[in-house]
């Protein structure tokens, strides 16, 4: 029977450390600020924005929300990003995805000052992650690393399998594992013998966005299983990529959905925003 990795508890510990650091910065006259931009009326995005605002309040950050209508034009959004780039109150800028189809998301990401890119999506920061010389890490993969480390299990030398190759999770996740000296396999829709490959994993991470995709025949006994998925089942209930009832009896550790990776994503966003404030105020890293 697997031990549950409590992402909520780990995230509270991370945010407590951040809040303490924010107090120390305020004593030096430095306030930490995050701006979140939302275009359109996506219900899930609204919830994420609300949670980010609550997290900022919890750790003592200044926060701004910029809620723009669905029909916002590309140049209007770019102008707002430039304004936030030049705003000394704002250390971190996050443009919530998905954006409406008429907006060029890549252009928006590239318009964000790399020092304020707390999502770590800017090509400059992606390149820094690739070579291992980074200040910011993508929030979800960074949160996954924290969760694995919270178990006391050593990543170095482990066989790790990542299911999914997105720019947001799969690719950066594999690089972070590699930086932690794991042997990494990335699986995707064209992978042959997927179950057999997954069964080689000491640490299995699924980020495909398909309900109950990972079944017991894909998991090695004693594996650490991290579920990045955030889906709805046929009854509308929130669930992950992993069939929890099947996999939990054979894994050594497993993350639940909800309460696993999700809380860590926002905690790591707070950590990135704190790092951005330090960099912009001349702290050495």
Protein backbone atom coordinates (compact mmCIF):
# COMPACT_ATOMS: atom_id res chain seq x y z
CA UNK A 1 0.00 0.00 0.00
CA UNK A 2 1.48 3.34 -1.10
CA UNK A 3 2.18 6.24 1.19
CA UNK A 4 0.31 9.37 0.10
CA UNK A 5 2.48 12.36 -0.80
CA UNK A 6 0.53 15.27 0.69
CA UNK A 7 1.10 18.18 -1.68
CA UNK A 8 -0.98 20.50 0.46
CA UNK A 9 1.24 19.93 3.51
CA UNK A 10 4.48 20.27 1.53
CA UNK A 11 3.21 23.46 -0.13
CA UNK A 12 2.37 24.97 3.26
CA UNK A 13 5.94 24.39 4.41
CA UNK A 14 7.31 25.97 1.21
CA UNK A 15 5.01 29.00 1.51
CA UNK A 16 5.92 29.45 5.18
CA UNK A 17 9.59 29.76 4.21
CA UNK A 18 8.66 32.21 1.43
CA UNK A 19 6.57 34.33 3.80
CA UNK A 20 9.47 34.52 6.25
CA UNK A 21 11.81 35.63 3.47
CA UNK A 22 9.28 38.21 2.28
CA UNK A 23 9.23 39.70 5.80
CA UNK A 24 13.02 40.00 5.75
CA UNK A 25 12.88 41.76 2.37
CA UNK A 26 10.25 44.20 3.64
CA UNK A 27 12.58 45.07 6.51
CA UNK A 28 15.03 46.14 3.80
CA UNK A 29 12.35 48.20 2.05
CA UNK A 30 11.69 45.61 -0.68
CA UNK A 31 8.12 44.60 -1.52
CA UNK A 32 7.42 41.58 -3.73
CA UNK A 33 4.80 42.00 -6.46
CA UNK A 34 3.07 39.65 -8.91
CA UNK A 35 0.78 40.61 -11.81
CA UNK A 36 -1.57 38.00 -13.27
CA UNK A 37 -3.20 38.67 -16.63
CA UNK A 38 -6.32 36.79 -17.72
CA UNK A 39 -7.87 37.19 -21.17
CA UNK A 40 -11.38 35.85 -21.59
CA UNK A 41 -13.86 34.03 -19.39
CA UNK A 42 -12.40 30.52 -18.97
CA UNK A 43 -13.90 29.16 -15.70
CA UNK A 44 -10.84 27.04 -14.83
CA UNK A 45 -8.51 29.98 -15.47
CA UNK A 46 -10.64 32.18 -13.19
CA UNK A 47 -10.19 29.65 -10.38
CA UNK A 48 -6.42 29.54 -10.95
CA UNK A 49 -6.22 33.34 -10.85
CA UNK A 50 -8.24 33.43 -7.64
CA UNK A 51 -5.95 30.82 -6.04
CA UNK A 52 -2.85 32.77 -7.06
CA UNK A 53 -4.25 35.92 -5.47
CA UNK A 54 -4.94 34.01 -2.23
CA UNK A 55 -1.40 32.60 -2.27
CA UNK A 56 0.06 36.09 -2.66
CA UNK A 57 -1.93 37.28 0.34
CA UNK A 58 -0.78 34.26 2.36
CA UNK A 59 2.93 34.96 1.78
CA UNK A 60 2.72 38.75 2.03
CA UNK A 61 3.13 39.68 -1.65
CA UNK A 62 1.53 42.60 -3.45
CA UNK A 63 -0.64 41.35 -6.32
CA UNK A 64 -2.50 42.74 -9.29
CA UNK A 65 -5.12 41.12 -11.50
CA UNK A 66 -5.71 42.32 -15.03
CA UNK A 67 -8.91 40.75 -16.38
CA UNK A 68 -9.32 41.49 -20.08
CA UNK A 69 -12.29 40.69 -22.35
CA UNK A 70 -12.18 37.76 -24.79
CA UNK A 71 -12.00 40.13 -27.78
CA UNK A 72 -8.85 41.87 -26.54
CA UNK A 73 -6.50 42.50 -29.47
CA UNK A 74 -2.91 41.28 -29.67
CA UNK A 75 -1.44 44.79 -29.53
CA UNK A 76 -3.54 45.68 -26.48
CA UNK A 77 -2.23 42.66 -24.59
CA UNK A 78 1.34 43.36 -25.69
CA UNK A 79 1.00 46.96 -24.48
CA UNK A 80 -0.12 45.75 -21.06
CA UNK A 81 2.82 43.33 -20.84
CA UNK A 82 5.22 46.15 -21.72
CA UNK A 83 3.63 48.38 -19.07
CA UNK A 84 4.11 45.65 -16.45
CA UNK A 85 7.71 45.11 -17.62
CA UNK A 86 8.37 48.76 -16.77
CA UNK A 87 6.48 48.76 -13.44
CA UNK A 88 8.88 48.62 -10.50
CA UNK A 89 6.09 47.37 -8.20
CA UNK A 90 5.82 44.21 -10.29
CA UNK A 91 8.54 41.57 -10.00
CA UNK A 92 6.69 38.73 -11.71
CA UNK A 93 4.33 38.62 -14.69
CA UNK A 94 2.08 35.66 -15.42
CA UNK A 95 -0.21 35.59 -18.45
CA UNK A 96 -2.75 32.86 -17.80
CA UNK A 97 -3.14 30.25 -20.51
CA UNK A 98 -4.96 29.21 -22.58
CA UNK A 99 -5.28 32.49 -24.46
CA UNK A 100 -8.03 33.09 -27.05
CA UNK A 101 -7.21 31.58 -30.45
CA UNK A 102 -6.66 34.96 -32.12
CA UNK A 103 -3.79 35.77 -29.71
CA UNK A 104 -0.25 34.68 -30.59
CA UNK A 105 0.76 33.11 -27.28
CA UNK A 106 4.43 32.69 -28.24
CA UNK A 107 4.72 36.40 -29.02
CA UNK A 108 3.20 37.27 -25.65
CA UNK A 109 5.60 35.00 -23.78
CA UNK A 110 8.58 36.45 -25.64
CA UNK A 111 7.41 39.98 -24.78
CA UNK A 112 7.72 39.33 -21.03
CA UNK A 113 10.99 40.52 -19.49
CA UNK A 114 12.92 37.27 -18.79
CA UNK A 115 13.68 38.54 -15.27
CA UNK A 116 9.92 38.79 -14.63
CA UNK A 117 9.03 35.51 -16.37
CA UNK A 118 7.94 33.60 -13.27
CA UNK A 119 6.40 30.83 -15.39
CA UNK A 120 9.88 30.22 -16.90
CA UNK A 121 8.36 29.93 -20.39
CA UNK A 122 10.46 32.60 -22.12
CA UNK A 123 12.93 31.04 -24.61
CA UNK A 124 15.80 32.66 -22.69
CA UNK A 125 14.79 30.90 -19.47
CA UNK A 126 14.05 27.64 -21.29
CA UNK A 127 17.60 27.73 -22.66
CA UNK A 128 19.01 28.41 -19.19
CA UNK A 129 17.16 25.38 -17.86
CA UNK A 130 18.57 23.25 -20.67
CA UNK A 131 22.18 24.07 -19.73
CA UNK A 132 21.49 23.89 -15.98
CA UNK A 133 22.22 27.57 -15.24
CA UNK A 134 18.78 28.80 -14.25
CA UNK A 135 17.15 31.25 -11.85
CA UNK A 136 13.55 30.18 -12.56
CA UNK A 137 12.04 26.74 -13.02
CA UNK A 138 8.62 25.95 -14.52
CA UNK A 139 6.29 25.77 -11.54
CA UNK A 140 4.75 22.33 -11.99
CA UNK A 141 8.00 20.41 -12.69
CA UNK A 142 9.73 22.26 -9.84
CA UNK A 143 6.87 21.29 -7.54
CA UNK A 144 7.16 17.65 -8.59
CA UNK A 145 10.85 17.63 -7.66
CA UNK A 146 9.98 19.05 -4.23
CA UNK A 147 7.35 16.35 -3.72
CA UNK A 148 9.74 13.54 -4.63
CA UNK A 149 12.41 14.95 -2.32
CA UNK A 150 9.85 15.21 0.50
CA UNK A 151 9.65 11.40 0.54
CA UNK A 152 13.37 11.13 1.31
CA UNK A 153 13.91 9.08 -1.84
CA UNK A 154 17.10 9.88 -3.73
CA UNK A 155 16.50 10.82 -7.39
CA UNK A 156 20.13 10.31 -8.40
CA UNK A 157 20.65 7.01 -10.21
CA UNK A 158 16.95 6.21 -10.50
CA UNK A 159 15.19 5.20 -13.71
CA UNK A 160 12.56 7.88 -14.32
CA UNK A 161 9.83 7.75 -16.95
CA UNK A 162 7.89 10.89 -17.91
CA UNK A 163 4.68 10.37 -19.89
CA UNK A 164 4.06 13.52 -21.93
CA UNK A 165 6.33 15.90 -23.83
CA UNK A 166 4.66 19.30 -23.48
CA UNK A 167 6.73 22.46 -23.18
CA UNK A 168 4.99 23.24 -19.90
CA UNK A 169 5.54 19.94 -18.04
CA UNK A 170 6.98 16.98 -19.92
CA UNK A 171 10.12 18.48 -21.46
CA UNK A 172 11.21 20.63 -18.49
CA UNK A 173 10.33 17.79 -16.10
CA UNK A 174 12.74 15.50 -17.90
CA UNK A 175 15.50 18.13 -17.73
CA UNK A 176 15.05 18.67 -13.99
CA UNK A 177 15.26 14.93 -13.38
CA UNK A 178 18.39 14.83 -15.53
CA UNK A 179 19.91 17.69 -13.51
CA UNK A 180 19.23 15.52 -10.45
CA UNK A 181 21.27 12.69 -12.05
CA UNK A 182 18.36 10.43 -12.98
CA UNK A 183 18.27 8.28 -16.10
CA UNK A 184 15.26 9.66 -17.96
CA UNK A 185 12.91 8.24 -20.60
CA UNK A 186 10.26 10.46 -22.19
CA UNK A 187 7.15 8.68 -23.49
CA UNK A 188 4.48 10.10 -25.79
CA UNK A 189 1.75 9.12 -28.25
CA UNK A 190 4.23 7.48 -30.63
CA UNK A 191 6.01 5.40 -27.98
CA UNK A 192 5.88 1.69 -28.67
CA UNK A 193 5.33 -0.84 -25.86
CA UNK A 194 4.36 1.98 -23.49
CA UNK A 195 3.37 -0.31 -20.62
CA UNK A 196 6.69 -2.16 -20.74
CA UNK A 197 8.66 1.11 -20.77
CA UNK A 198 6.69 2.52 -17.85
CA UNK A 199 7.25 -0.66 -15.83
CA UNK A 200 11.00 0.06 -15.84
CA UNK A 201 10.44 3.25 -13.84
CA UNK A 202 11.53 3.69 -10.26
CA UNK A 203 9.81 7.08 -10.52
CA UNK A 204 6.85 7.40 -12.92
CA UNK A 205 5.45 10.84 -13.75
CA UNK A 206 2.30 11.18 -15.87
CA UNK A 207 1.36 14.46 -17.55
CA UNK A 208 -0.91 13.49 -20.44
CA UNK A 209 -4.29 14.86 -19.34
CA UNK A 210 -6.23 11.63 -19.87
CA UNK A 211 -8.38 10.28 -17.04
CA UNK A 212 -7.19 6.98 -15.55
CA UNK A 213 -4.58 6.55 -18.30
CA UNK A 214 -2.01 4.89 -16.03
CA UNK A 215 -3.18 1.44 -14.94
CA UNK A 216 -1.62 -1.14 -12.67
CA UNK A 217 -0.04 -3.04 -15.58
CA UNK A 218 2.10 0.06 -16.32
CA UNK A 219 3.60 0.40 -12.83
CA UNK A 220 6.50 -1.47 -11.28
CA UNK A 221 5.97 -2.69 -7.73
CA UNK A 222 7.40 -0.14 -5.30
CA UNK A 223 7.56 2.72 -7.82
CA UNK A 224 7.02 6.36 -6.87
CA UNK A 225 4.04 7.59 -8.93
CA UNK A 226 3.47 11.30 -9.53
CA UNK A 227 0.16 12.29 -11.13
CA UNK A 228 0.29 15.70 -12.83
CA UNK A 229 -3.09 15.22 -14.55
CA UNK A 230 -6.08 17.39 -13.69
CA UNK A 231 -9.09 15.91 -15.46
CA UNK A 232 -12.80 15.20 -15.06
CA UNK A 233 -14.14 11.67 -15.19
CA UNK A 234 -17.42 10.59 -16.80
CA UNK A 235 -19.28 11.77 -13.69
CA UNK A 236 -17.62 15.19 -13.70
CA UNK A 237 -15.47 14.33 -10.68
CA UNK A 238 -11.94 15.73 -10.52
CA UNK A 239 -9.34 13.05 -11.19
CA UNK A 240 -5.80 12.58 -12.46
CA UNK A 241 -4.05 10.54 -15.14
CA UNK A 242 -3.49 7.65 -12.75
CA UNK A 243 -6.12 5.07 -11.86
CA UNK A 244 -5.57 5.61 -8.14
CA UNK A 245 -7.47 2.58 -6.85
CA UNK A 246 -5.47 0.23 -9.09
CA UNK A 247 -2.03 1.79 -8.67
CA UNK A 248 -2.02 2.77 -4.99
CA UNK A 249 -1.74 -0.85 -3.71
CA UNK A 250 1.45 -1.51 -5.70
CA UNK A 251 3.28 1.85 -5.56
CA UNK A 252 5.54 2.90 -2.69
CA UNK A 253 4.46 6.56 -2.86
CA UNK A 254 1.70 8.24 -4.85
CA UNK A 255 0.24 11.73 -5.23
CA UNK A 256 -3.53 12.17 -4.96
CA UNK A 257 -5.70 14.34 -7.21
CA UNK A 258 -6.63 16.82 -5.89
CA UNK A 259 -4.14 17.63 -3.14
CA UNK A 260 -0.95 16.43 -4.81
CA UNK A 261 0.89 18.37 -7.49
CA UNK A 262 -1.68 21.20 -7.78
CA UNK A 263 -0.87 23.02 -4.52
CA UNK A 264 2.85 22.77 -5.28
CA UNK A 265 2.48 24.53 -8.63
CA UNK A 266 1.22 27.68 -6.93
CA UNK A 267 3.78 27.40 -4.13
CA UNK A 268 6.60 27.30 -6.70
CA UNK A 269 5.09 30.30 -8.48
CA UNK A 270 5.45 32.19 -5.20
CA UNK A 271 9.04 30.97 -4.92
CA UNK A 272 9.84 32.17 -8.45
CA UNK A 273 8.29 35.57 -7.72
CA UNK A 274 10.43 35.90 -4.59
CA UNK A 275 13.52 34.95 -6.62
CA UNK A 276 12.60 37.53 -9.26
CA UNK A 277 12.35 40.26 -6.61
CA UNK A 278 15.77 39.32 -5.26
CA UNK A 279 17.38 39.37 -8.72
CA UNK A 280 15.83 42.74 -9.55
CA UNK A 281 17.16 44.15 -6.31
CA UNK A 282 20.74 43.02 -6.90
CA UNK A 283 20.87 39.84 -4.82
CA UNK A 284 23.47 37.35 -6.03
CA UNK A 285 22.51 33.81 -7.10
